[in-house]
Amino acid sequence: ARFPLAHLLHACTWLKACSDIVELTPRSMAQAVAPGALLERLPARLAEDPSLLIFAALCVPVRSTASSVILIGQKSLFTLTVPQSEMGAALASLDVLQSCVGVLA
């Protein structure tokens, strides 16, 4: 059985939103989650601010993976709805729109 693309896009959007929420974790909460032994072995900057470790180890990989899957999913759904004769112009327009959104974000 194939995994429906819509479910994959919803899951990636949810993961990306969750990583944004985790990124906003207050420093005090991050220090409560990170064990003291782990903090002692980290560089000074990470030991002072464990939320940076959470951002680097969790948020960045999740966000980049989810973003890539979302972009690929958007293109594949887009190509299903566009007539074959207009595919080149339509994909070029989609690329321009995605670039504009990336600049605005």
N, C-alpha and C. Protein backbone atom coordinates (compact mmCIF):
# COMPACT_ATOMS: atom_id res chain seq x y z
N ALA A 1 0.85 -1.18 0.00
CA ALA A 1 0.00 0.00 0.00
C ALA A 1 0.89 1.24 0.00
N ARG A 2 0.53 2.19 -0.82
CA ARG A 2 1.29 3.44 -0.89
C ARG A 2 0.79 4.41 0.16
N PHE A 3 1.71 5.21 0.66
CA PHE A 3 1.37 6.24 1.63
C PHE A 3 0.88 7.46 0.87
N PRO A 4 -0.35 7.91 1.10
CA PRO A 4 -0.88 9.06 0.35
C PRO A 4 -0.04 10.32 0.56
N LEU A 5 0.19 11.03 -0.52
CA LEU A 5 1.01 12.24 -0.47
C LEU A 5 0.42 13.29 0.45
N ALA A 6 -0.89 13.39 0.48
CA ALA A 6 -1.52 14.41 1.34
C ALA A 6 -1.18 14.17 2.80
N HIS A 7 -1.17 12.91 3.24
CA HIS A 7 -0.82 12.60 4.63
C HIS A 7 0.64 12.97 4.92
N LEU A 8 1.51 12.70 3.96
CA LEU A 8 2.92 13.05 4.13
C LEU A 8 3.10 14.56 4.24
N LEU A 9 2.40 15.31 3.42
CA LEU A 9 2.50 16.78 3.48
C LEU A 9 1.94 17.31 4.79
N HIS A 10 0.85 16.75 5.25
CA HIS A 10 0.30 17.18 6.54
C HIS A 10 1.27 16.86 7.67
N ALA A 11 1.87 15.69 7.64
CA ALA A 11 2.82 15.31 8.69
C ALA A 11 4.04 16.21 8.69
N CYS A 12 4.56 16.54 7.52
CA CYS A 12 5.73 17.42 7.44
C CYS A 12 5.40 18.84 7.88
N THR A 13 4.22 19.31 7.54
CA THR A 13 3.80 20.63 8.00
C THR A 13 3.67 20.65 9.51
N TRP A 14 3.12 19.58 10.07
CA TRP A 14 2.99 19.47 11.53
C TRP A 14 4.36 19.42 12.19
N LEU A 15 5.30 18.65 11.63
CA LEU A 15 6.65 18.58 12.18
C LEU A 15 7.35 19.93 12.13
N LYS A 16 7.16 20.64 11.04
CA LYS A 16 7.79 21.96 10.91
C LYS A 16 7.22 22.93 11.94
N ALA A 17 5.91 22.90 12.14
CA ALA A 17 5.29 23.77 13.15
C ALA A 17 5.77 23.39 14.55
N CYS A 18 5.88 22.11 14.82
CA CYS A 18 6.37 21.67 16.14
C CYS A 18 7.80 22.11 16.38
N SER A 19 8.64 22.05 15.34
CA SER A 19 10.03 22.49 15.52
C SER A 19 10.08 23.99 15.78
N ASP A 20 9.17 24.75 15.19
CA ASP A 20 9.11 26.19 15.48
C ASP A 20 8.70 26.43 16.93
N ILE A 21 7.78 25.63 17.44
CA ILE A 21 7.35 25.78 18.83
C ILE A 21 8.47 25.38 19.78
N VAL A 22 9.17 24.29 19.48
CA VAL A 22 10.28 23.84 20.33
C VAL A 22 11.39 24.87 20.36
N GLU A 23 11.58 25.55 19.23
CA GLU A 23 12.61 26.59 19.16
C GLU A 23 12.34 27.71 20.17
N LEU A 24 11.08 27.93 20.49
CA LEU A 24 10.72 29.00 21.42
C LEU A 24 10.78 28.55 22.89
N THR A 25 11.34 27.37 23.14
CA THR A 25 11.44 26.84 24.50
C THR A 25 12.23 27.81 25.37
N PRO A 26 11.68 28.19 26.51
CA PRO A 26 12.42 29.08 27.41
C PRO A 26 13.68 28.42 27.94
N ARG A 27 14.68 29.22 28.23
CA ARG A 27 15.96 28.71 28.72
C ARG A 27 15.79 27.90 29.99
N SER A 28 14.95 28.35 30.91
CA SER A 28 14.77 27.63 32.17
C SER A 28 14.21 26.23 31.94
N MET A 29 13.29 26.09 30.98
CA MET A 29 12.72 24.78 30.69
C MET A 29 13.76 23.88 30.03
N ALA A 30 14.57 24.45 29.16
CA ALA A 30 15.61 23.66 28.50
C ALA A 30 16.65 23.18 29.50
N GLN A 31 16.98 24.00 30.48
CA GLN A 31 17.94 23.59 31.50
C GLN A 31 17.36 22.49 32.38
N ALA A 32 16.06 22.51 32.61
CA ALA A 32 15.44 21.47 33.42
C ALA A 32 15.42 20.14 32.68
N VAL A 33 15.33 20.19 31.35
CA VAL A 33 15.28 18.95 30.56
C VAL A 33 16.66 18.35 30.39
N ALA A 34 17.69 19.18 30.19
CA ALA A 34 19.04 18.67 29.94
C ALA A 34 19.69 18.22 31.25
N PRO A 35 20.20 16.98 31.32
CA PRO A 35 20.85 16.51 32.53
C PRO A 35 22.16 17.25 32.79
N GLY A 36 22.52 17.38 34.05
CA GLY A 36 23.72 18.10 34.44
C GLY A 36 24.99 17.50 33.86
N ALA A 37 25.11 16.17 33.80
CA ALA A 37 26.31 15.52 33.25
C ALA A 37 26.50 15.87 31.79
N LEU A 38 25.40 15.96 31.07
CA LEU A 38 25.49 16.33 29.65
C LEU A 38 25.96 17.77 29.51
N LEU A 39 25.46 18.65 30.36
CA LEU A 39 25.83 20.06 30.27
C LEU A 39 27.31 20.27 30.58
N GLU A 40 27.89 19.44 31.44
CA GLU A 40 29.31 19.61 31.80
C GLU A 40 30.22 19.27 30.63
N ARG A 41 29.80 18.38 29.73
CA ARG A 41 30.64 17.96 28.61
C ARG A 41 30.50 18.84 27.38
N LEU A 42 29.57 19.75 27.40
CA LEU A 42 29.34 20.61 26.25
C LEU A 42 30.24 21.84 26.30
N PRO A 43 30.47 22.46 25.16
CA PRO A 43 31.19 23.75 25.17
C PRO A 43 30.45 24.76 26.05
N ALA A 44 31.17 25.75 26.51
CA ALA A 44 30.61 26.71 27.47
C ALA A 44 29.34 27.37 26.96
N ARG A 45 29.32 27.75 25.71
CA ARG A 45 28.13 28.45 25.17
C ARG A 45 26.90 27.56 25.21
N LEU A 46 27.05 26.28 24.86
CA LEU A 46 25.91 25.37 24.90
C LEU A 46 25.49 25.06 26.33
N ALA A 47 26.46 24.99 27.25
CA ALA A 47 26.12 24.70 28.64
C ALA A 47 25.35 25.87 29.26
N GLU A 48 25.68 27.09 28.85
CA GLU A 48 24.97 28.26 29.37
C GLU A 48 23.55 28.35 28.81
N ASP A 49 23.37 27.93 27.58
CA ASP A 49 22.08 28.06 26.92
C ASP A 49 21.71 26.75 26.22
N PRO A 50 21.11 25.79 26.95
CA PRO A 50 20.77 24.51 26.34
C PRO A 50 19.75 24.63 25.21
N SER A 51 19.02 25.74 25.14
CA SER A 51 18.06 25.88 24.05
C SER A 51 18.78 25.95 22.70
N LEU A 52 20.03 26.39 22.69
CA LEU A 52 20.82 26.39 21.47
C LEU A 52 21.09 24.95 21.02
N LEU A 53 21.35 24.06 21.96
CA LEU A 53 21.56 22.65 21.64
C LEU A 53 20.27 22.03 21.09
N ILE A 54 19.15 22.35 21.70
CA ILE A 54 17.86 21.86 21.20
C ILE A 54 17.62 22.35 19.79
N PHE A 55 17.95 23.61 19.53
CA PHE A 55 17.77 24.18 18.20
C PHE A 55 18.66 23.47 17.19
N ALA A 56 19.94 23.27 17.54
CA ALA A 56 20.89 22.68 16.60
C ALA A 56 20.65 21.19 16.38
N ALA A 57 20.27 20.47 17.43
CA ALA A 57 20.14 19.02 17.31
C ALA A 57 18.75 18.57 16.89
N LEU A 58 17.74 19.38 17.14
CA LEU A 58 16.38 18.94 16.86
C LEU A 58 15.69 19.80 15.80
N CYS A 59 15.67 21.10 16.03
CA CYS A 59 14.88 21.98 15.17
C CYS A 59 15.43 22.09 13.75
N VAL A 60 16.73 22.27 13.60
CA VAL A 60 17.30 22.47 12.27
C VAL A 60 17.12 21.24 11.38
N PRO A 61 17.46 20.03 11.85
CA PRO A 61 17.25 18.87 10.97
C PRO A 61 15.78 18.61 10.64
N VAL A 62 14.90 18.75 11.62
CA VAL A 62 13.48 18.52 11.38
C VAL A 62 12.94 19.54 10.41
N ARG A 63 13.29 20.81 10.61
CA ARG A 63 12.77 21.86 9.74
C ARG A 63 13.28 21.70 8.31
N SER A 64 14.56 21.40 8.13
CA SER A 64 15.09 21.29 6.77
C SER A 64 14.53 20.06 6.06
N THR A 65 14.39 18.95 6.76
CA THR A 65 13.81 17.76 6.14
C THR A 65 12.35 17.99 5.77
N ALA A 66 11.59 18.56 6.69
CA ALA A 66 10.17 18.81 6.42
C ALA A 66 10.00 19.80 5.27
N SER A 67 10.83 20.83 5.23
CA SER A 67 10.73 21.81 4.14
C SER A 67 11.01 21.17 2.79
N SER A 68 12.02 20.32 2.74
CA SER A 68 12.35 19.65 1.47
C SER A 68 11.22 18.75 1.00
N VAL A 69 10.65 17.98 1.92
CA VAL A 69 9.56 17.09 1.55
C VAL A 69 8.33 17.89 1.11
N ILE A 70 8.07 18.99 1.77
CA ILE A 70 6.92 19.83 1.40
C ILE A 70 7.11 20.41 -0.01
N LEU A 71 8.32 20.90 -0.31
CA LEU A 71 8.56 21.45 -1.65
C LEU A 71 8.42 20.39 -2.74
N ILE A 72 8.96 19.20 -2.49
CA ILE A 72 8.84 18.12 -3.47
C ILE A 72 7.38 17.71 -3.63
N GLY A 73 6.66 17.62 -2.52
CA GLY A 73 5.25 17.27 -2.59
C GLY A 73 4.42 18.29 -3.33
N GLN A 74 4.73 19.57 -3.09
CA GLN A 74 4.00 20.62 -3.81
C GLN A 74 4.22 20.51 -5.31
N LYS A 75 5.47 20.28 -5.71
CA LYS A 75 5.74 20.16 -7.15
C LYS A 75 5.05 18.95 -7.76
N SER A 76 5.04 17.84 -7.03
CA SER A 76 4.40 16.65 -7.61
C SER A 76 2.89 16.82 -7.71
N LEU A 77 2.27 17.44 -6.71
CA LEU A 77 0.84 17.70 -6.79
C LEU A 77 0.53 18.71 -7.90
N PHE A 78 1.41 19.68 -8.05
CA PHE A 78 1.23 20.70 -9.06
C PHE A 78 1.30 20.10 -10.46
N THR A 79 2.25 19.17 -10.67
CA THR A 79 2.39 18.56 -11.99
C THR A 79 1.22 17.65 -12.34
N LEU A 80 0.51 17.16 -11.34
CA LEU A 80 -0.66 16.32 -11.61
C LEU A 80 -1.83 17.13 -12.16
N THR A 81 -1.89 18.41 -11.83
CA THR A 81 -3.04 19.23 -12.22
C THR A 81 -2.80 20.08 -13.45
N VAL A 82 -1.54 20.24 -13.86
CA VAL A 82 -1.23 21.11 -15.00
C VAL A 82 -1.19 20.28 -16.28
N PRO A 83 -1.78 20.81 -17.37
CA PRO A 83 -1.71 20.09 -18.66
C PRO A 83 -0.25 19.95 -19.12
N GLN A 84 0.04 18.85 -19.78
CA GLN A 84 1.41 18.56 -20.23
C GLN A 84 1.97 19.65 -21.14
N SER A 85 1.12 20.25 -21.97
CA SER A 85 1.59 21.27 -22.92
C SER A 85 2.05 22.55 -22.23
N GLU A 86 1.59 22.81 -21.01
CA GLU A 86 1.95 24.03 -20.29
C GLU A 86 2.84 23.77 -19.09
N MET A 87 3.43 22.58 -19.03
CA MET A 87 4.20 22.19 -17.86
C MET A 87 5.42 23.08 -17.61
N GLY A 88 6.18 23.41 -18.65
CA GLY A 88 7.39 24.21 -18.48
C GLY A 88 7.10 25.58 -17.87
N ALA A 89 6.13 26.27 -18.43
CA ALA A 89 5.79 27.61 -17.92
C ALA A 89 5.21 27.52 -16.50
N ALA A 90 4.43 26.48 -16.25
CA ALA A 90 3.82 26.34 -14.93
C ALA A 90 4.87 26.05 -13.86
N LEU A 91 5.82 25.17 -14.15
CA LEU A 91 6.88 24.88 -13.18
C LEU A 91 7.79 26.08 -12.96
N ALA A 92 8.05 26.85 -14.01
CA ALA A 92 8.85 28.07 -13.86
C ALA A 92 8.12 29.06 -12.95
N SER A 93 6.81 29.20 -13.14
CA SER A 93 6.02 30.10 -12.29
C SER A 93 6.03 29.62 -10.84
N LEU A 94 5.91 28.30 -10.65
CA LEU A 94 5.94 27.76 -9.29
C LEU A 94 7.28 28.02 -8.62
N ASP A 95 8.38 27.86 -9.36
CA ASP A 95 9.70 28.13 -8.81
C ASP A 95 9.85 29.60 -8.41
N VAL A 96 9.35 30.50 -9.24
CA VAL A 96 9.43 31.93 -8.92
C VAL A 96 8.61 32.23 -7.66
N LEU A 97 7.40 31.68 -7.58
CA LEU A 97 6.56 31.91 -6.41
C LEU A 97 7.20 31.35 -5.14
N GLN A 98 7.79 30.16 -5.22
CA GLN A 98 8.45 29.58 -4.05
C GLN A 98 9.67 30.41 -3.64
N SER A 99 10.38 30.95 -4.60
CA SER A 99 11.52 31.82 -4.28
C SER A 99 11.05 33.10 -3.60
N CYS A 100 9.96 33.68 -4.08
CA CYS A 100 9.43 34.89 -3.47
C CYS A 100 9.00 34.63 -2.03
N VAL A 101 8.34 33.51 -1.81
CA VAL A 101 7.91 33.16 -0.46
C VAL A 101 9.14 32.95 0.44
N GLY A 102 10.18 32.31 -0.10
CA GLY A 102 11.41 32.12 0.67
C GLY A 102 12.07 33.43 1.06
N VAL A 103 12.05 34.40 0.17
CA VAL A 103 12.64 35.71 0.47
C VAL A 103 11.80 36.43 1.53
N LEU A 104 10.49 36.35 1.40
CA LEU A 104 9.61 37.03 2.36
C LEU A 104 9.64 36.37 3.74
N ALA A 105 9.88 35.07 3.78
CA ALA A 105 9.90 34.37 5.06
C ALA A 105 11.19 34.68 5.77
